[in-house]
Amino acid sequence: MLSEPNVNWFLIRPRLNLLKVSHRMHDEAYRVFYSQPMRLFPHHDRFFYTKKPLLERIPPKYRNVINTMELRLGKGWSKIPRCQNTQPSLGLQDCTGLRVLKIFVQCDPSDTFFNGFRGKNADEDTYKYFCIDLLRGILEQVPRLRVVEIDAFPGIKQSAPLISALKETIECAGKTVVWGPLRGWEKKAEMNGLQQAMAGMGLGDAPRVVQVQA
């Protein structure tokens, strides 16, 4: 995942050397390199409050070939970094190749657990509305985006206010919603559909007794 320098630097650096071999090698290699999933805003503590995210720092021609991006939500909910915005300077309008957005929710401050800790003038909906505005800004500036994947840490329900609001916003924009692999929500939805189909055929969980007369 790009934008995690402390984790991936020693893996990424040798790949960057390929871009220096020649102009031809650069033109062929950068498309492969920037096709890796890119994190929209930094997540590591050292870079979390940076003024300019990685996307804003790279030239437009590199932004054009990004096809997958990740948006992490939850961290910093009580003190949101200024860099977390969708102003034109971020460069989203240049991401013409972006097709997949992966949203990972780390916590949902809408939960009653956060009562009394949200700060002055903040309620259970404050961070949720911030996230929705962020998502709308992405969807508006990247019209070719097709799929949005939602996943979350354990403890966050699929029916949580933030998850539900994200899903509704994505569907209203005409994009496809898929569930990420960590929580297993996709498998749960498939299982519920199977159970409903079985119930419709009279094949519920309860065993059926068939009386046979000799």
Protein backbone atom coordinates (compact mmCIF):
# COMPACT_ATOMS: atom_id res chain seq x y z
CA MET A 1 0.00 0.00 0.00
CA LEU A 2 1.50 3.34 -1.06
CA SER A 3 1.78 6.14 1.54
CA GLU A 4 3.12 3.90 4.32
CA PRO A 5 6.85 4.84 4.07
CA ASN A 6 7.98 3.12 7.28
CA VAL A 7 6.46 -0.20 6.23
CA ASN A 8 7.11 -0.45 2.51
CA TRP A 9 10.06 1.82 1.78
CA PHE A 10 12.63 -0.99 1.44
CA LEU A 11 10.25 -2.84 -0.88
CA ILE A 12 9.33 0.19 -2.96
CA ARG A 13 12.81 1.71 -3.37
CA PRO A 14 14.18 -1.05 -5.68
CA ARG A 15 11.10 -0.68 -7.88
CA LEU A 16 11.65 3.06 -8.16
CA ASN A 17 15.14 2.42 -9.49
CA LEU A 18 13.56 0.94 -12.60
CA LEU A 19 12.11 4.35 -13.42
CA LYS A 20 15.64 5.76 -13.73
CA VAL A 21 16.98 3.30 -16.30
CA SER A 22 15.74 5.19 -19.36
CA HIS A 23 12.85 7.30 -20.62
CA ARG A 24 11.35 4.27 -22.32
CA MET A 25 11.65 2.13 -19.18
CA HIS A 26 10.12 4.97 -17.15
CA ASP A 27 7.14 5.31 -19.49
CA GLU A 28 6.46 1.58 -19.28
CA ALA A 29 7.18 1.06 -15.57
CA TYR A 30 5.37 3.98 -13.93
CA ARG A 31 2.01 2.69 -15.14
CA VAL A 32 2.64 -0.61 -13.37
CA PHE A 33 4.00 1.03 -10.22
CA TYR A 34 1.09 3.43 -9.77
CA SER A 35 -1.47 0.71 -10.46
CA GLN A 36 -0.87 -0.42 -6.86
CA PRO A 37 -3.62 0.54 -4.38
CA MET A 38 -2.91 4.02 -3.05
CA ARG A 39 -4.08 5.33 0.29
CA LEU A 40 -5.83 8.65 -0.25
CA PHE A 41 -4.75 10.14 3.09
CA PRO A 42 -1.76 9.05 5.21
CA HIS A 43 -2.46 6.70 8.08
CA HIS A 44 0.88 6.40 9.83
CA ASP A 45 1.21 8.61 12.94
CA ARG A 46 4.32 10.37 11.64
CA PHE A 47 2.54 11.57 8.50
CA PHE A 48 -1.06 11.67 9.71
CA TYR A 49 -1.20 15.47 10.04
CA THR A 50 0.84 16.24 6.93
CA LYS A 51 -0.12 19.34 4.96
CA LYS A 52 -0.07 17.59 1.57
CA PRO A 53 -1.09 13.95 1.06
CA LEU A 54 0.86 11.84 -1.43
CA LEU A 55 -1.78 12.27 -4.14
CA GLU A 56 -1.33 16.03 -4.05
CA ARG A 57 2.45 15.69 -4.33
CA ILE A 58 2.66 13.50 -7.44
CA PRO A 59 2.32 14.89 -11.00
CA PRO A 60 -1.03 14.61 -12.84
CA LYS A 61 0.29 12.04 -15.33
CA TYR A 62 0.88 9.61 -12.44
CA ARG A 63 -2.54 10.29 -10.98
CA ASN A 64 -4.09 9.33 -14.31
CA VAL A 65 -3.02 5.67 -14.01
CA ILE A 66 -4.17 5.04 -10.43
CA ASN A 67 -6.99 2.49 -10.55
CA THR A 68 -7.53 1.59 -6.87
CA MET A 69 -7.60 3.88 -3.87
CA GLU A 70 -8.19 3.31 -0.17
CA LEU A 71 -9.94 5.68 2.22
CA ARG A 72 -9.55 4.92 5.94
CA LEU A 73 -12.08 6.42 8.31
CA GLY A 74 -12.19 6.62 12.09
CA LYS A 75 -8.68 7.57 13.09
CA GLY A 76 -8.44 11.20 14.16
CA TRP A 77 -12.21 11.54 14.52
CA SER A 78 -11.81 13.94 17.45
CA LYS A 79 -9.17 16.06 15.65
CA ILE A 80 -9.54 15.69 11.91
CA PRO A 81 -6.38 16.56 9.92
CA ARG A 82 -6.71 19.53 7.58
CA CYS A 83 -5.32 17.46 4.73
CA GLN A 84 -8.46 15.28 4.78
CA ASN A 85 -10.46 17.23 2.25
CA THR A 86 -11.42 17.00 -1.41
CA GLN A 87 -10.36 20.46 -2.53
CA PRO A 88 -9.27 20.72 -6.21
CA SER A 89 -5.64 20.99 -5.09
CA LEU A 90 -5.77 17.33 -4.01
CA GLY A 91 -5.86 16.28 -7.66
CA LEU A 92 -8.80 13.86 -7.67
CA GLN A 93 -10.01 15.28 -11.00
CA ASP A 94 -6.82 13.89 -12.58
CA CYS A 95 -7.59 10.32 -11.43
CA THR A 96 -9.31 9.39 -14.68
CA GLY A 97 -8.31 5.74 -14.36
CA LEU A 98 -9.69 5.28 -10.84
CA ARG A 99 -12.30 2.51 -10.82
CA VAL A 100 -12.29 1.08 -7.28
CA LEU A 101 -12.49 2.87 -3.94
CA LYS A 102 -11.94 0.80 -0.79
CA ILE A 103 -13.34 2.31 2.40
CA PHE A 104 -12.11 0.86 5.68
CA VAL A 105 -13.87 2.01 8.87
CA GLN A 106 -11.76 1.71 12.00
CA CYS A 107 -14.31 3.10 14.41
CA ASP A 108 -17.73 4.75 14.34
CA PRO A 109 -18.00 7.69 16.78
CA SER A 110 -21.78 7.55 16.29
CA ASP A 111 -21.79 4.71 18.83
CA THR A 112 -23.02 5.55 22.33
CA PHE A 113 -19.63 4.38 23.64
CA PHE A 114 -18.23 7.77 22.54
CA ASN A 115 -20.77 9.83 24.50
CA GLY A 116 -18.96 12.50 26.49
CA PHE A 117 -15.74 12.20 24.46
CA ARG A 118 -16.68 13.89 21.17
CA GLY A 119 -15.62 17.38 22.19
CA LYS A 120 -17.31 20.76 22.12
CA ASN A 121 -20.23 21.23 19.70
CA ALA A 122 -19.84 17.66 18.40
CA ASP A 123 -22.62 15.07 18.54
CA GLU A 124 -23.10 11.51 17.33
CA ASP A 125 -23.59 12.68 13.72
CA THR A 126 -20.70 15.15 13.40
CA TYR A 127 -18.05 12.73 12.16
CA LYS A 128 -20.56 10.78 10.10
CA TYR A 129 -21.50 13.90 8.12
CA PHE A 130 -17.82 14.72 7.64
CA CYS A 131 -17.22 11.26 6.15
CA ILE A 132 -20.24 11.56 3.87
CA ASP A 133 -19.07 14.95 2.59
CA LEU A 134 -15.64 13.44 1.96
CA LEU A 135 -17.15 10.54 0.02
CA ARG A 136 -19.41 12.83 -2.03
CA GLY A 137 -16.41 14.96 -2.95
CA ILE A 138 -14.62 11.87 -4.27
CA LEU A 139 -17.66 10.60 -6.20
CA GLU A 140 -18.29 14.00 -7.78
CA GLN A 141 -14.69 14.48 -8.94
CA VAL A 142 -14.15 10.91 -10.14
CA PRO A 143 -17.26 10.13 -12.22
CA ARG A 144 -15.68 6.99 -13.75
CA LEU A 145 -15.42 5.34 -10.34
CA ARG A 146 -17.46 2.12 -10.55
CA VAL A 147 -17.12 0.09 -7.36
CA VAL A 148 -16.89 1.06 -3.69
CA GLU A 149 -15.89 -1.62 -1.20
CA ILE A 150 -16.79 -1.18 2.47
CA ASP A 151 -15.02 -3.04 5.26
CA ALA A 152 -14.45 -2.45 8.96
CA PHE A 153 -12.76 -3.63 12.12
CA PRO A 154 -14.53 -6.21 14.32
CA GLY A 155 -17.01 -4.60 16.66
CA ILE A 156 -18.53 -2.41 13.96
CA LYS A 157 -21.86 -3.74 12.78
CA GLN A 158 -23.05 -3.67 9.20
CA SER A 159 -26.05 -1.68 10.46
CA ALA A 160 -23.91 0.95 12.23
CA PRO A 161 -24.93 4.56 11.40
CA LEU A 162 -21.70 5.36 9.56
CA ILE A 163 -21.75 2.14 7.51
CA SER A 164 -25.41 2.64 6.59
CA ALA A 165 -24.84 6.28 5.60
CA LEU A 166 -21.87 5.35 3.41
CA LYS A 167 -23.85 2.60 1.67
CA GLU A 168 -26.80 4.91 1.01
CA THR A 169 -24.53 7.64 -0.42
CA ILE A 170 -22.80 5.18 -2.76
CA GLU A 171 -26.07 3.73 -4.02
CA CYS A 172 -27.57 7.19 -4.57
CA ALA A 173 -24.56 8.00 -6.76
CA GLY A 174 -25.31 4.94 -8.90
CA LYS A 175 -22.16 3.06 -7.89
CA THR A 176 -21.83 -0.61 -6.98
CA VAL A 177 -21.41 -1.47 -3.28
CA VAL A 178 -19.43 -4.56 -2.31
CA TRP A 179 -18.46 -5.76 1.15
CA GLY A 180 -14.83 -6.30 2.09
CA PRO A 181 -13.36 -9.64 3.18
CA LEU A 182 -12.37 -8.85 6.79
CA ARG A 183 -15.81 -8.84 8.38
CA GLY A 184 -17.31 -11.50 6.11
CA TRP A 185 -20.40 -9.36 5.42
CA GLU A 186 -20.52 -10.56 1.82
CA LYS A 187 -20.70 -14.20 2.92
CA LYS A 188 -23.32 -13.33 5.49
CA ALA A 189 -25.47 -11.65 2.82
CA GLU A 190 -25.11 -14.70 0.56
CA MET A 191 -26.07 -17.02 3.43
CA ASN A 192 -29.14 -14.94 4.29
CA GLY A 193 -30.19 -15.03 0.64
CA LEU A 194 -29.77 -18.81 0.57
CA GLN A 195 -31.80 -19.22 3.75
CA GLN A 196 -34.59 -17.05 2.33
CA ALA A 197 -34.63 -19.07 -0.87
CA MET A 198 -34.76 -22.33 1.09
CA ALA A 199 -37.56 -20.99 3.27
CA GLY A 200 -39.50 -20.07 0.14
CA MET A 201 -39.25 -23.68 -1.00
CA GLY A 202 -40.27 -24.96 2.40
CA LEU A 203 -36.73 -26.07 3.21
CA GLY A 204 -36.11 -24.37 6.51
CA ASP A 205 -33.70 -25.35 9.26
CA ALA A 206 -36.25 -27.52 11.06
CA PRO A 207 -36.22 -31.16 9.92
CA ARG A 208 -39.21 -32.25 7.90
CA VAL A 209 -40.86 -35.54 8.83
CA VAL A 210 -42.30 -37.61 6.01
CA GLN A 211 -44.68 -40.39 7.01
CA VAL A 212 -44.49 -43.44 4.81
CA GLN A 213 -47.13 -46.13 4.91
CA ALA A 214 -46.12 -49.63 3.86
